[in-house]
């Protein structure tokens, strides 16, 4: 048969070697094993053959978090081994189906190797921090700044990547791909895709009795299928905005005006709103934690609500949501963007300012108001004492604060000021970086971002030191507010954006999808302090407030509570969601 016909003739043997001299058993026995393995890798193969082998390898080498989770859920081997077998089939088929779109013989090896590296990195973080690769996690990762990325890098990551990627790197370098025409490759790739989907459907139907309740009750499992989940979630985050309609900015500040308390005020209000980072309510001494992590706040007789829950489990989800007038459900279902609390306060005529100690910024909340990064203009003395690179301890926000206040519009300042401070707080995994040496009261603490290398005690010590530092920072902020009492009626409200896992249920950090995230990632602290002047102008009853500290609250209450405290009248204000409303006025 002519060579040209042989190349185009369809058959199932296109994956066999082109030619190889016969070798007898004696010759094979004399060849070192590694040379035999190298020769096997170096065989000419079709792109489809390579992808099937690669999918099998990825299922075996990069899905240990999934197998471990199935074993944990199943309990007994007789329960979880069939589940692992069924999920392994689905993982292999899904990988083959996904990679079938890349089954071409030219220029694909770097792409295949990139998939291996992605899978290795994803497995490292799933094993180390017990996260899942859902779209919200990938969106949050894409918002991570260079300093936060640095905290997530470690030698353990490099080790895990090399452990997974070394063998396929060698194999992909050695293998020779059989060249084939475009049409021939295209229909073969289509057959591979159809076969993978059909096998997956058949396996799912055959194992439906086991898989259906397993997947329904444990939705997170689908985001542990590596590398399919990582690629899908990254694509969803990157591509989804391209298919969305152009988002409009819906105004909500229309009709905003200052209330009656401003007409005859002796001093304007000065309200400081501190947005915490990654703080857990159950690690605040004020809330009954066994360790006294909050002595400074206790000494200043603050109010601490005990049952407050966040809008999301990561900064990207929570911060825009907590400043929105919509509430969690409507915010997540919105089709357009809406003005937020800061827009309404500014429209009412108040001086507003956002001061950020996170390089990741305000997530769009402060885009239309004056804002600054706390570490942009600090002098060298402060920088050397509080900063490492462009990452600073939260005390940096207190330096130059008088000058920042004075720089605001004098006309607006005469009416009132709302200052937002966005903390670095307890941002992990490098908790040890979130407190100064003189604030480290719980030792020894974890001194690495590879949390698996630390004992649970060391990990908790590092986190608790960060909470103790936040306590001291808030105490200093209250003292600064007291010093402004001659010119302003001051108040402070603090609440965190979300919580944190410290090894409970094998989970670390945060960002688990809200529906099945543990309580510790959603239960957050909320603390308030009111100066005498602010209490009088708001006619707040402390006894009433203290009696309501167990009232369940969420981020949905923030928007309305701040508007109520600042006596800003607007159609979007809902008294029922104002945490202070029932304790305000003569009726309280």
Protein backbone atom coordinates (compact mmCIF):
# COMPACT_ATOMS: atom_id res chain seq x y z
CA UNK A 1 0.00 0.00 0.00
CA UNK A 2 1.40 3.45 -0.84
CA UNK A 3 2.58 5.50 2.11
CA UNK A 4 0.12 8.31 1.39
CA UNK A 5 -2.82 5.89 1.58
CA UNK A 6 -1.49 4.25 4.72
CA UNK A 7 -1.42 7.56 6.53
CA UNK A 8 -5.03 8.42 5.73
CA UNK A 9 -6.43 4.89 6.20
CA UNK A 10 -8.49 4.85 9.44
CA UNK A 11 -7.66 2.08 11.84
CA UNK A 12 -7.35 1.52 15.55
CA UNK A 13 -3.63 0.76 15.46
CA UNK A 14 -2.34 4.30 14.85
CA UNK A 15 -0.94 4.35 18.39
CA UNK A 16 1.53 1.50 17.82
CA UNK A 17 5.25 2.18 17.25
CA UNK A 18 6.19 2.95 13.66
CA UNK A 19 8.94 0.37 13.73
CA UNK A 20 11.10 -1.25 16.36
CA UNK A 21 13.72 -3.96 16.08
CA UNK A 22 12.74 -7.18 17.79
CA UNK A 23 14.50 -7.88 21.02
CA UNK A 24 14.71 -11.19 22.74
CA UNK A 25 14.29 -11.85 26.45
CA UNK A 26 18.04 -11.99 26.94
CA UNK A 27 18.55 -8.54 25.39
CA UNK A 28 15.74 -7.05 27.51
CA UNK A 29 17.15 -8.56 30.69
CA UNK A 30 20.53 -6.96 30.05
CA UNK A 31 19.00 -3.48 29.60
CA UNK A 32 18.68 -1.37 32.77
CA UNK A 33 15.13 -0.81 33.96
CA UNK A 34 15.35 2.95 33.57
CA UNK A 35 16.43 2.53 29.95
CA UNK A 36 13.52 0.21 29.29
CA UNK A 37 11.18 2.78 30.87
CA UNK A 38 12.76 5.57 28.83
CA UNK A 39 12.36 3.55 25.64
CA UNK A 40 8.70 2.93 26.47
CA UNK A 41 8.13 6.66 26.98
CA UNK A 42 9.97 7.46 23.73
CA UNK A 43 7.65 5.35 21.58
CA UNK A 44 5.78 7.22 18.86
CA UNK A 45 2.19 7.75 19.99
CA UNK A 46 -0.88 9.61 18.86
CA UNK A 47 -1.93 12.71 20.78
CA UNK A 48 -5.03 10.85 21.97
CA UNK A 49 -2.97 8.01 23.39
CA UNK A 50 -0.82 10.51 25.31
CA UNK A 51 -3.88 12.27 26.72
CA UNK A 52 -5.48 9.05 27.93
CA UNK A 53 -2.27 8.11 29.77
CA UNK A 54 -1.94 11.67 31.11
CA UNK A 55 -5.54 11.62 32.39
CA UNK A 56 -4.94 8.33 34.17
CA UNK A 57 -1.80 9.74 35.76
CA UNK A 58 -3.54 12.94 36.91
CA UNK A 59 -6.40 10.94 38.43
CA UNK A 60 -3.90 8.85 40.39
CA UNK A 61 -1.35 11.52 41.34
CA UNK A 62 -3.36 14.73 41.86
CA UNK A 63 -6.66 13.67 43.42
CA UNK A 64 -5.59 12.60 46.90
CA UNK A 65 -7.69 15.34 48.55
CA UNK A 66 -10.75 13.87 46.82
CA UNK A 67 -9.92 10.29 47.81
CA UNK A 68 -9.26 11.39 51.41
CA UNK A 69 -12.56 13.25 51.56
CA UNK A 70 -14.48 10.29 50.17
CA UNK A 71 -12.85 8.04 52.78
CA UNK A 72 -13.76 10.53 55.52
CA UNK A 73 -17.39 10.71 54.38
CA UNK A 74 -17.74 6.96 53.83
CA UNK A 75 -16.23 5.82 57.10
CA UNK A 76 -15.89 2.10 56.36
CA UNK A 77 -13.82 0.79 53.39
CA UNK A 78 -16.84 -1.16 52.14
CA UNK A 79 -18.62 2.19 51.74
CA UNK A 80 -15.94 4.49 50.42
CA UNK A 81 -13.97 2.16 48.12
CA UNK A 82 -16.86 1.81 45.61
CA UNK A 83 -17.32 5.58 45.78
CA UNK A 84 -13.64 6.14 45.07
CA UNK A 85 -13.80 3.73 42.11
CA UNK A 86 -16.84 5.51 40.67
CA UNK A 87 -15.35 8.97 41.19
CA UNK A 88 -12.04 7.83 39.69
CA UNK A 89 -13.87 6.79 36.53
CA UNK A 90 -15.61 10.18 36.38
CA UNK A 91 -12.35 12.07 36.98
CA UNK A 92 -10.54 10.17 34.21
CA UNK A 93 -13.41 10.58 31.75
CA UNK A 94 -13.82 14.26 32.56
CA UNK A 95 -10.08 14.85 32.10
CA UNK A 96 -10.04 12.96 28.79
CA UNK A 97 -13.10 14.87 27.56
CA UNK A 98 -11.57 18.21 28.51
CA UNK A 99 -8.15 17.44 27.06
CA UNK A 100 -9.59 15.96 23.86
CA UNK A 101 -9.91 19.54 22.60
CA UNK A 102 -6.10 19.77 22.74
CA UNK A 103 -5.36 16.38 21.10
CA UNK A 104 -3.25 17.76 18.27
CA UNK A 105 0.23 16.69 17.37
CA UNK A 106 1.91 20.08 17.17
CA UNK A 107 2.74 22.57 19.92
CA UNK A 108 0.56 20.89 22.57
CA UNK A 109 3.24 19.53 24.91
CA UNK A 110 3.74 22.85 26.80
CA UNK A 111 -0.02 23.14 27.30
CA UNK A 112 -0.28 19.58 28.64
CA UNK A 113 2.59 20.22 31.02
CA UNK A 114 0.89 23.43 32.20
CA UNK A 115 -2.19 21.36 33.06
CA UNK A 116 0.02 19.05 35.14
CA UNK A 117 1.49 22.03 37.02
CA UNK A 118 -1.96 23.53 37.62
CA UNK A 119 -3.17 20.20 38.99
CA UNK A 120 -0.09 19.91 41.24
CA UNK A 121 -0.53 23.44 42.63
CA UNK A 122 -4.26 22.90 43.18
CA UNK A 123 -3.59 19.65 45.04
CA UNK A 124 -1.02 21.37 47.26
CA UNK A 125 -3.50 24.00 48.41
CA UNK A 126 -6.33 21.51 48.78
CA UNK A 127 -4.11 19.30 50.94
CA UNK A 128 -2.49 22.14 52.91
CA UNK A 129 -5.53 24.35 53.54
CA UNK A 130 -8.48 22.05 52.74
CA UNK A 131 -9.93 24.50 50.21
CA UNK A 132 -11.94 23.53 47.13
CA UNK A 133 -11.46 24.93 43.63
CA UNK A 134 -14.88 26.48 43.08
CA UNK A 135 -15.39 29.73 41.09
CA UNK A 136 -15.58 31.91 44.22
CA UNK A 137 -12.21 30.57 45.42
CA UNK A 138 -10.63 31.20 42.00
CA UNK A 139 -12.15 34.70 41.85
CA UNK A 140 -10.75 35.45 45.29
CA UNK A 141 -7.34 34.08 44.24
CA UNK A 142 -7.32 36.31 41.17
CA UNK A 143 -7.89 39.31 43.47
CA UNK A 144 -4.89 38.36 45.64
CA UNK A 145 -2.07 40.89 45.58
CA UNK A 146 1.66 40.15 45.35
CA UNK A 147 2.23 40.27 49.10
CA UNK A 148 -0.58 37.84 49.84
CA UNK A 149 0.79 35.55 47.11
CA UNK A 150 4.19 35.66 48.79
CA UNK A 151 2.60 34.44 52.02
CA UNK A 152 1.19 31.44 50.17
CA UNK A 153 4.51 30.37 48.62
CA UNK A 154 6.72 27.84 50.35
CA UNK A 155 9.31 25.14 49.75
CA UNK A 156 6.57 22.61 50.43
CA UNK A 157 4.69 23.94 47.40
CA UNK A 158 7.78 23.51 45.22
CA UNK A 159 8.28 20.00 46.58
CA UNK A 160 4.68 19.00 45.87
CA UNK A 161 4.83 20.39 42.33
CA UNK A 162 8.12 18.64 41.55
CA UNK A 163 6.83 15.39 43.03
CA UNK A 164 3.84 15.42 40.69
CA UNK A 165 5.31 17.08 37.60
CA UNK A 166 8.75 15.44 37.27
CA UNK A 167 7.58 12.16 35.70
CA UNK A 168 5.14 13.68 33.16
CA UNK A 169 7.74 16.33 32.27
CA UNK A 170 10.18 13.60 31.34
CA UNK A 171 7.52 11.58 29.54
CA UNK A 172 6.23 14.54 27.53
CA UNK A 173 9.75 15.51 26.56
CA UNK A 174 10.62 11.99 25.39
CA UNK A 175 7.42 10.96 23.63
CA UNK A 176 7.21 11.36 19.86
CA UNK A 177 3.83 12.35 18.52
CA UNK A 178 2.64 10.67 15.33
CA UNK A 179 1.89 13.38 12.76
CA UNK A 180 -1.54 13.30 11.19
CA UNK A 181 -3.66 15.48 8.97
CA UNK A 182 -6.09 18.01 10.46
CA UNK A 183 -9.21 16.21 9.30
CA UNK A 184 -7.98 12.84 10.53
CA UNK A 185 -7.11 14.25 13.95
CA UNK A 186 -10.37 16.19 14.20
CA UNK A 187 -12.72 13.23 13.74
CA UNK A 188 -10.61 11.00 15.97
CA UNK A 189 -10.66 13.69 18.69
CA UNK A 190 -14.43 13.90 18.35
CA UNK A 191 -14.71 10.12 18.77
CA UNK A 192 -12.50 10.31 21.87
CA UNK A 193 -14.72 13.03 23.34
CA UNK A 194 -17.89 11.05 22.61
CA UNK A 195 -16.39 7.86 24.06
CA UNK A 196 -15.28 9.66 27.26
CA UNK A 197 -18.70 11.26 27.77
CA UNK A 198 -20.51 7.99 27.03
CA UNK A 199 -18.31 6.06 29.47
CA UNK A 200 -18.85 8.70 32.16
CA UNK A 201 -22.62 8.63 31.68
CA UNK A 202 -22.67 4.84 31.72
CA UNK A 203 -20.62 4.74 34.90
CA UNK A 204 -22.79 7.41 36.54
CA UNK A 205 -25.96 5.48 35.69
CA UNK A 206 -24.51 2.19 36.90
CA UNK A 207 -23.35 3.76 40.17
CA UNK A 208 -26.23 6.23 40.46
CA UNK A 209 -27.52 4.67 43.65
CA UNK A 210 -24.26 5.50 45.40
CA UNK A 211 -23.26 8.66 43.52
CA UNK A 212 -26.57 10.57 43.50
CA UNK A 213 -26.96 10.99 47.29
CA UNK A 214 -23.20 11.40 47.71
CA UNK A 215 -23.00 14.32 45.27
CA UNK A 216 -26.28 15.85 46.40
CA UNK A 217 -25.27 15.90 50.06
CA UNK A 218 -21.63 16.85 49.43
CA UNK A 219 -21.67 19.48 46.69
CA UNK A 220 -18.05 20.41 47.37
CA UNK A 221 -16.85 17.07 45.95
CA UNK A 222 -17.40 18.27 42.39
CA UNK A 223 -14.90 21.08 43.03
CA UNK A 224 -12.25 18.61 44.20
CA UNK A 225 -12.03 16.77 40.86
CA UNK A 226 -8.53 17.71 39.77
CA UNK A 227 -7.62 19.29 37.35
CA UNK A 228 -11.10 19.63 35.85
CA UNK A 229 -12.49 21.74 38.71
CA UNK A 230 -9.57 24.19 38.68
CA UNK A 231 -9.75 24.68 34.91
CA UNK A 232 -13.53 24.97 34.91
CA UNK A 233 -13.60 27.48 37.78
CA UNK A 234 -10.79 29.60 36.33
CA UNK A 235 -12.54 29.62 32.95
CA UNK A 236 -15.86 30.53 34.56
CA UNK A 237 -14.30 33.48 36.36
CA UNK A 238 -12.38 34.67 33.28
CA UNK A 239 -15.01 34.08 30.60
CA UNK A 240 -18.30 34.74 32.40
CA UNK A 241 -17.90 38.54 32.43
CA UNK A 242 -17.56 38.50 28.62
CA UNK A 243 -21.09 37.19 28.26
CA UNK A 244 -22.70 39.47 30.82
CA UNK A 245 -24.62 42.52 29.76
CA UNK A 246 -23.05 45.88 30.46
CA UNK A 247 -23.70 46.51 34.13
CA UNK A 248 -25.31 49.81 35.02
CA UNK A 249 -24.74 51.69 38.24
CA UNK A 250 -28.13 51.93 39.93
CA UNK A 251 -28.35 55.03 42.18
CA UNK A 252 -29.68 54.62 45.72
CA UNK A 253 -28.45 57.93 47.11
CA UNK A 254 -31.32 59.99 45.75
CA UNK A 255 -33.17 61.78 48.51
CA UNK A 256 -30.34 61.34 51.05
CA UNK A 257 -30.38 64.17 53.60
CA UNK A 258 -29.20 64.93 57.11
CA UNK A 259 -31.74 64.51 59.90
CA UNK A 260 -33.01 66.94 62.51
CA UNK A 261 -30.07 66.34 64.91
CA UNK A 262 -27.78 68.39 62.66
CA UNK A 263 -29.82 71.57 62.86
CA UNK A 264 -28.69 72.56 66.35
CA UNK A 265 -25.62 70.35 66.87
CA UNK A 266 -22.87 71.66 69.12
CA UNK A 267 -20.31 69.40 67.48
CA UNK A 268 -20.41 67.31 64.29
CA UNK A 269 -20.32 63.50 64.60
CA UNK A 270 -17.11 61.60 63.89
CA UNK A 271 -17.92 57.96 63.13
CA UNK A 272 -15.07 55.47 62.57
CA UNK A 273 -16.05 52.20 60.91
CA UNK A 274 -13.32 49.56 61.14
CA UNK A 275 -13.66 46.71 58.64
CA UNK A 276 -11.83 43.78 60.20
CA UNK A 277 -10.14 40.98 58.31
CA UNK A 278 -10.47 37.25 59.02
CA UNK A 279 -11.44 37.63 62.68
CA UNK A 280 -13.42 34.91 64.49
CA UNK A 281 -16.05 35.82 67.05
CA UNK A 282 -15.22 32.82 69.20
CA UNK A 283 -11.61 34.03 69.64
CA UNK A 284 -12.65 37.35 71.18
CA UNK A 285 -12.34 37.38 74.95
CA UNK A 286 -15.35 39.71 75.01
CA UNK A 287 -17.45 36.84 73.65
CA UNK A 288 -16.43 34.32 76.29
CA UNK A 289 -13.21 32.93 74.77
CA UNK A 290 -11.08 31.27 77.44
CA UNK A 291 -8.10 33.46 76.55
CA UNK A 292 -8.28 37.16 77.27
CA UNK A 293 -7.49 38.32 73.74
CA UNK A 294 -9.39 41.62 74.11
CA UNK A 295 -8.30 43.34 77.35
CA UNK A 296 -8.05 46.80 75.74
CA UNK A 297 -11.60 46.73 74.42
CA UNK A 298 -12.89 45.40 77.73
CA UNK A 299 -11.17 48.25 79.58
CA UNK A 300 -12.98 50.75 77.31
CA UNK A 301 -16.36 49.18 78.06
CA UNK A 302 -17.34 48.50 74.47
CA UNK A 303 -20.46 46.68 73.37
CA UNK A 304 -19.86 43.27 71.75
CA UNK A 305 -22.63 41.46 69.87
CA UNK A 306 -22.35 37.68 70.17
CA UNK A 307 -24.36 36.31 67.23
CA UNK A 308 -23.25 38.08 64.04
CA UNK A 309 -22.75 36.38 60.67
CA UNK A 310 -21.01 37.49 57.49
CA UNK A 311 -22.33 37.85 53.97
CA UNK A 312 -19.56 35.68 52.48
CA UNK A 313 -16.49 33.68 53.40
CA UNK A 314 -13.93 35.81 51.55
CA UNK A 315 -13.16 39.52 51.21
CA UNK A 316 -14.25 39.79 47.58
CA UNK A 317 -17.71 38.46 48.43
CA UNK A 318 -18.22 40.09 51.83
CA UNK A 319 -16.96 43.67 51.60
CA UNK A 320 -19.15 44.85 48.68
CA UNK A 321 -22.10 42.93 50.15
CA UNK A 322 -21.84 44.39 53.65
CA UNK A 323 -21.92 47.98 52.30
CA UNK A 324 -24.83 47.27 49.95
CA UNK A 325 -28.45 48.26 50.70
CA UNK A 326 -29.70 45.07 49.05
CA UNK A 327 -28.98 42.39 51.66
CA UNK A 328 -27.17 39.14 50.98
CA UNK A 329 -29.82 37.37 48.88
CA UNK A 330 -30.61 40.30 46.60
CA UNK A 331 -26.94 41.32 46.34
CA UNK A 332 -25.92 37.89 45.09
CA UNK A 333 -28.83 37.81 42.59
CA UNK A 334 -28.31 41.35 41.26
CA UNK A 335 -27.89 41.97 37.53
CA UNK A 336 -26.44 45.48 37.88
CA UNK A 337 -24.21 47.38 40.27
CA UNK A 338 -25.67 49.59 42.96
CA UNK A 339 -24.42 52.58 44.89
CA UNK A 340 -23.48 51.71 48.46
CA UNK A 341 -23.39 53.10 51.96
CA UNK A 342 -20.45 55.39 51.22
CA UNK A 343 -22.24 56.95 48.25
CA UNK A 344 -25.32 57.67 50.39
CA UNK A 345 -23.31 59.25 53.22
CA UNK A 346 -21.45 61.43 50.74
CA UNK A 347 -24.67 62.43 48.96
CA UNK A 348 -26.13 63.51 52.31
CA UNK A 349 -23.30 66.07 52.63
CA UNK A 350 -20.97 64.31 55.09
CA UNK A 351 -17.20 64.09 54.72
CA UNK A 352 -16.31 60.46 53.99
CA UNK A 353 -12.91 58.82 53.63
CA UNK A 354 -11.68 55.24 53.13
CA UNK A 355 -8.25 54.33 54.51
CA UNK A 356 -6.96 50.95 53.37
CA UNK A 357 -4.24 48.77 54.85
CA UNK A 358 -4.78 46.04 52.27
CA UNK A 359 -3.11 46.14 48.88
CA UNK A 360 -6.19 44.37 47.52
CA UNK A 361 -8.18 47.55 48.12
CA UNK A 362 -11.82 48.20 48.89
CA UNK A 363 -13.28 45.84 46.22
CA UNK A 364 -15.04 48.75 44.51
CA UNK A 365 -16.78 50.15 47.59
CA UNK A 366 -14.66 53.32 47.76
CA UNK A 367 -14.34 54.00 44.02
CA UNK A 368 -16.51 57.16 44.10
CA UNK A 369 -15.30 58.68 47.40
CA UNK A 370 -11.94 59.98 48.68
CA UNK A 371 -9.67 57.06 49.57
CA UNK A 372 -6.02 56.25 50.16
CA UNK A 373 -3.65 53.44 51.06
CA UNK A 374 -2.35 53.78 54.59
CA UNK A 375 1.22 52.94 53.62
CA UNK A 376 1.54 55.34 50.66
CA UNK A 377 2.71 58.42 52.54
CA UNK A 378 4.24 57.15 55.79
CA UNK A 379 7.67 58.50 56.69
CA UNK A 380 10.71 56.27 56.84
CA UNK A 381 10.71 56.05 60.63
CA UNK A 382 7.17 54.70 60.71
CA UNK A 383 7.82 52.45 57.72
CA UNK A 384 10.87 50.85 59.31
CA UNK A 385 8.97 50.27 62.57
CA UNK A 386 5.67 48.99 61.18
CA UNK A 387 6.23 47.82 57.60
CA UNK A 388 7.96 45.07 55.72
CA UNK A 389 8.05 46.01 52.06
CA UNK A 390 4.61 47.42 51.22
CA UNK A 391 2.86 45.42 53.94
CA UNK A 392 2.32 47.18 57.25
CA UNK A 393 0.83 46.45 60.65
CA UNK A 394 -2.53 48.13 61.21
CA UNK A 395 -1.09 50.78 63.54
CA UNK A 396 0.17 52.51 60.40
CA UNK A 397 -3.38 53.79 59.84
CA UNK A 398 -3.20 55.84 63.04
CA UNK A 399 -0.12 57.77 61.90
CA UNK A 400 -0.99 61.06 60.23
CA UNK A 401 -4.68 60.55 60.92
CA UNK A 402 -5.15 64.13 62.18
CA UNK A 403 -3.71 65.46 58.94
CA UNK A 404 -5.97 63.20 56.86
CA UNK A 405 -8.97 64.44 58.81
CA UNK A 406 -7.95 68.09 58.37
CA UNK A 407 -7.51 67.59 54.62
CA UNK A 408 -11.18 66.73 54.12
CA UNK A 409 -13.60 69.41 52.92
CA UNK A 410 -14.11 71.93 55.71
CA UNK A 411 -17.76 72.42 54.69
CA UNK A 412 -18.45 68.70 54.88
CA UNK A 413 -16.44 68.27 58.09
CA UNK A 414 -18.58 70.89 59.76
CA UNK A 415 -21.58 68.59 59.23
CA UNK A 416 -19.94 65.28 60.14
CA UNK A 417 -17.29 62.71 59.22
CA UNK A 418 -17.38 58.98 58.48
CA UNK A 419 -13.94 57.39 58.33
CA UNK A 420 -13.55 53.75 57.23
CA UNK A 421 -10.40 51.82 58.17
CA UNK A 422 -9.87 48.55 56.31
CA UNK A 423 -7.56 46.34 58.35
CA UNK A 424 -4.97 43.74 57.46
CA UNK A 425 -6.26 42.14 60.65
CA UNK A 426 -5.70 38.39 60.95
CA UNK A 427 -5.12 37.65 57.27
CA UNK A 428 -3.57 34.19 56.87
CA UNK A 429 -1.73 32.02 56.41
CA UNK A 430 1.15 34.11 57.79
CA UNK A 431 -0.61 34.99 61.06
CA UNK A 432 2.72 35.66 62.76
CA UNK A 433 3.14 38.73 60.51
CA UNK A 434 -0.08 40.30 61.81
CA UNK A 435 1.19 41.24 65.26
CA UNK A 436 4.17 43.17 66.57
CA UNK A 437 6.73 41.48 68.85
CA UNK A 438 5.43 43.33 71.93
CA UNK A 439 1.88 42.06 71.25
CA UNK A 440 2.80 38.36 71.11
CA UNK A 441 1.40 37.03 74.37
CA UNK A 442 0.70 33.46 73.24
CA UNK A 443 3.82 31.44 72.52
CA UNK A 444 5.20 29.50 70.78
CA UNK A 445 3.46 30.62 67.60
CA UNK A 446 3.55 29.21 64.08
CA UNK A 447 6.35 31.00 62.22
CA UNK A 448 5.65 29.75 58.71
CA UNK A 449 2.93 29.98 56.09
CA UNK A 450 3.05 26.18 55.65
CA UNK A 451 0.46 25.56 58.35
CA UNK A 452 0.79 21.79 58.17
CA UNK A 453 4.31 22.13 59.60
CA UNK A 454 2.96 23.66 62.83
CA UNK A 455 1.13 22.09 65.71
CA UNK A 456 -2.46 23.14 66.31
CA UNK A 457 -1.37 24.99 69.46
CA UNK A 458 1.23 27.01 67.56
CA UNK A 459 -1.29 27.82 64.85
CA UNK A 460 -3.89 29.04 67.34
CA UNK A 461 -1.24 31.04 69.21
CA UNK A 462 -0.31 32.90 66.02
CA UNK A 463 -3.95 33.64 65.23
CA UNK A 464 -4.73 34.73 68.79
CA UNK A 465 -1.74 37.10 68.75
CA UNK A 466 -3.24 38.74 65.66
CA UNK A 467 -6.56 39.15 67.49
CA UNK A 468 -4.74 40.63 70.49
CA UNK A 469 -3.03 43.08 68.13
CA UNK A 470 -6.40 44.06 66.63
CA UNK A 471 -7.65 44.60 70.19
CA UNK A 472 -4.76 46.96 70.88
CA UNK A 473 -5.25 48.76 67.56
CA UNK A 474 -8.95 49.30 68.29
CA UNK A 475 -8.10 50.52 71.79
CA UNK A 476 -5.70 53.11 70.33
CA UNK A 477 -8.34 54.16 67.80
CA UNK A 478 -10.88 54.72 70.58
CA UNK A 479 -8.27 56.77 72.49
CA UNK A 480 -7.72 58.88 69.36
CA UNK A 481 -11.47 59.40 69.09
CA UNK A 482 -11.65 60.47 72.74
CA UNK A 483 -9.00 63.08 71.97
CA UNK A 484 -11.29 64.49 69.26
CA UNK A 485 -14.19 64.97 71.70
CA UNK A 486 -13.65 68.73 71.97
CA UNK A 487 -14.44 69.14 68.31
CA UNK A 488 -16.55 66.07 67.45
CA UNK A 489 -19.09 63.62 68.87
CA UNK A 490 -17.16 60.35 68.32
CA UNK A 491 -18.16 56.70 67.88
CA UNK A 492 -16.62 53.49 66.57
CA UNK A 493 -18.09 50.36 65.02
CA UNK A 494 -15.95 47.32 64.22
CA UNK A 495 -16.95 44.13 62.43
CA UNK A 496 -15.00 41.57 60.45
CA UNK A 497 -15.56 40.66 56.80
CA UNK A 498 -15.52 36.89 57.49
CA UNK A 499 -14.05 34.29 59.84
CA UNK A 500 -11.34 31.64 59.53
CA UNK A 501 -10.77 27.90 59.87
CA UNK A 502 -7.86 26.83 62.07
CA UNK A 503 -7.89 23.12 61.41
CA UNK A 504 -11.44 22.27 62.46
CA UNK A 505 -12.73 19.42 60.27
CA UNK A 506 -9.34 19.50 58.58
CA UNK A 507 -10.00 22.96 57.08
CA UNK A 508 -7.70 25.96 57.06
CA UNK A 509 -8.03 29.62 56.00
CA UNK A 510 -11.40 30.60 54.50
CA UNK A 511 -13.30 30.79 51.21
CA UNK A 512 -15.29 27.55 51.45
CA UNK A 513 -18.58 28.04 49.52
CA UNK A 514 -21.06 29.65 51.91
CA UNK A 515 -23.69 26.91 51.78
CA UNK A 516 -21.45 24.33 53.42
CA UNK A 517 -18.78 26.53 54.99
CA UNK A 518 -18.22 25.82 58.69
CA UNK A 519 -19.63 28.18 61.27
CA UNK A 520 -16.19 29.56 62.16
CA UNK A 521 -15.82 31.04 58.66
CA UNK A 522 -19.13 32.94 59.01
CA UNK A 523 -19.43 33.80 62.73
CA UNK A 524 -17.77 37.20 63.13
CA UNK A 525 -17.15 39.75 65.91
CA UNK A 526 -18.99 43.08 66.01
CA UNK A 527 -17.99 45.73 68.56
CA UNK A 528 -19.20 49.29 69.16
CA UNK A 529 -18.08 52.22 71.29
CA UNK A 530 -20.03 55.45 71.68
CA UNK A 531 -18.58 58.61 73.15
CA UNK A 532 -20.75 60.59 75.51
CA UNK A 533 -21.57 63.19 72.86
CA UNK A 534 -22.63 60.59 70.32
CA UNK A 535 -24.74 58.72 72.85
CA UNK A 536 -26.56 61.94 73.73
CA UNK A 537 -27.21 63.07 70.16
CA UNK A 538 -28.44 59.57 69.23
CA UNK A 539 -30.32 59.24 72.57
CA UNK A 540 -28.97 55.74 73.00
CA UNK A 541 -29.78 53.66 76.07
CA UNK A 542 -26.76 51.61 77.07
CA UNK A 543 -28.88 49.36 79.29
CA UNK A 544 -31.10 48.59 76.32
CA UNK A 545 -28.09 47.91 74.07
CA UNK A 546 -26.52 45.58 76.64
CA UNK A 547 -29.77 43.64 76.91
CA UNK A 548 -29.77 43.04 73.15
CA UNK A 549 -26.21 41.81 72.62
CA UNK A 550 -27.44 38.27 71.91
CA UNK A 551 -29.74 39.45 69.11
CA UNK A 552 -28.88 37.64 65.84
CA UNK A 553 -27.38 40.09 63.31
CA UNK A 554 -25.71 39.82 59.91
CA UNK A 555 -23.83 42.04 57.48
CA UNK A 556 -27.28 43.04 56.19
CA UNK A 557 -27.63 45.23 59.30
CA UNK A 558 -24.51 47.35 58.70
CA UNK A 559 -25.96 49.69 56.04
CA UNK A 560 -29.02 50.61 58.08
CA UNK A 561 -27.21 50.76 61.43
CA UNK A 562 -24.68 53.32 60.19
CA UNK A 563 -27.38 55.43 58.52
CA UNK A 564 -29.38 55.37 61.74
CA UNK A 565 -26.39 56.26 63.90
CA UNK A 566 -25.48 59.15 61.59
CA UNK A 567 -29.13 60.30 61.35
CA UNK A 568 -29.13 60.19 57.55
CA UNK A 569 -32.58 60.10 56.01
CA UNK A 570 -32.94 58.12 52.77
CA UNK A 571 -35.66 55.97 51.17
CA UNK A 572 -33.37 52.90 51.30
CA UNK A 573 -33.09 53.01 55.12
CA UNK A 574 -35.00 50.21 56.91
CA UNK A 575 -35.46 50.75 60.66
CA UNK A 576 -36.09 47.03 61.21
CA UNK A 577 -32.49 46.31 60.13
CA UNK A 578 -30.95 49.07 62.25
CA UNK A 579 -29.28 47.26 65.17
CA UNK A 580 -29.57 50.40 67.33
CA UNK A 581 -33.10 51.51 66.44
CA UNK A 582 -34.91 49.83 69.33
CA UNK A 583 -32.54 51.47 71.84
CA UNK A 584 -32.75 54.97 70.40
CA UNK A 585 -34.98 57.75 71.72
CA UNK A 586 -37.14 58.25 74.80
CA UNK A 587 -38.99 54.96 74.22
CA UNK A 588 -35.83 52.93 74.83
